[in-house]
Amino acid sequence: MTEKRVRIWYDPEGDYLEVIFDQREGYFRETADDRVMEKVDGQGHVLGFSILGVGSLKGEPLQVALS
């Protein structure tokens, strides 16, 4: 069985969180919430996501549909 690894990176100065499921070539694109970007490959498969302003998330959970 192949082990899956998730890469999680947080930049406290920029208040930026990045979660990558798959370390393949891709690019970030917008989602319905302008704080969240999804990383996708050339075929549109989700490779991860990023959140800007993580420290401001209080109260209700952030919910965003990824492709």
Protein backbone atom coordinates (compact mmCIF):
# COMPACT_ATOMS: atom_id res chain seq x y z
CA MET A 1 0.00 0.00 0.00
CA THR A 2 1.37 3.42 -0.97
CA GLU A 3 1.52 5.95 1.82
CA LYS A 4 -0.25 9.26 1.09
CA ARG A 5 1.25 12.41 2.55
CA VAL A 6 -0.35 15.83 2.93
CA ARG A 7 1.84 18.94 2.98
CA ILE A 8 0.56 21.64 5.34
CA TRP A 9 2.29 25.00 5.56
CA TYR A 10 1.33 28.08 7.57
CA ASP A 11 2.92 31.52 7.25
CA PRO A 12 2.03 33.48 10.42
CA GLU A 13 3.36 36.77 9.02
CA GLY A 14 1.12 36.55 5.95
CA ASP A 15 -1.66 34.70 7.86
CA TYR A 16 -1.68 32.17 5.01
CA LEU A 17 -2.37 28.42 5.15
CA GLU A 18 -1.59 26.02 2.32
CA VAL A 19 -2.63 22.34 2.20
CA ILE A 20 -1.35 20.20 -0.68
CA PHE A 21 -2.67 16.66 -1.22
CA ASP A 22 -0.61 15.82 -4.29
CA GLN A 23 2.84 17.23 -5.20
CA ARG A 24 2.15 17.43 -8.94
CA GLU A 25 2.46 20.39 -11.31
CA GLY A 26 -0.55 22.68 -11.08
CA TYR A 27 -1.80 26.20 -10.54
CA PHE A 28 -4.04 28.09 -8.09
CA ARG A 29 -7.43 29.41 -9.17
CA GLU A 30 -10.22 31.30 -7.43
CA THR A 31 -13.19 29.74 -5.63
CA ALA A 32 -16.54 31.21 -4.61
CA ASP A 33 -14.85 32.63 -1.47
CA ASP A 34 -12.09 35.11 -2.30
CA ARG A 35 -10.10 33.98 0.77
CA VAL A 36 -9.76 30.45 -0.65
CA MET A 37 -7.84 29.32 -3.74
CA GLU A 38 -7.76 25.75 -5.03
CA LYS A 39 -4.70 24.19 -6.63
CA VAL A 40 -5.56 22.08 -9.67
CA ASP A 41 -3.65 20.21 -12.37
CA GLY A 42 -4.10 20.68 -16.12
CA GLN A 43 -7.17 18.42 -16.13
CA GLY A 44 -8.83 20.30 -13.23
CA HIS A 45 -8.18 17.66 -10.53
CA VAL A 46 -7.83 19.25 -7.08
CA LEU A 47 -4.28 19.01 -5.72
CA GLY A 48 -4.80 21.22 -2.65
CA PHE A 49 -6.02 24.59 -1.43
CA SER A 50 -4.89 27.76 0.31
CA ILE A 51 -6.61 30.14 2.72
CA LEU A 52 -5.67 33.77 3.22
CA GLY A 53 -6.58 35.40 6.54
CA VAL A 54 -6.85 32.20 8.58
CA GLY A 55 -6.62 34.16 11.84
CA SER A 56 -9.86 35.99 11.05
CA LEU A 57 -11.88 32.76 10.84
CA LYS A 58 -14.05 32.78 13.94
CA GLY A 59 -17.54 31.53 14.69
CA GLU A 60 -18.95 29.66 11.70
CA PRO A 61 -16.72 27.18 9.87
CA LEU A 62 -15.49 28.20 6.42
CA GLN A 63 -17.22 26.11 3.75
CA VAL A 64 -16.14 26.20 0.11
CA ALA A 65 -16.79 23.74 -2.71
CA LEU A 66 -13.65 22.54 -4.48
CA SER A 67 -13.90 21.23 -8.04
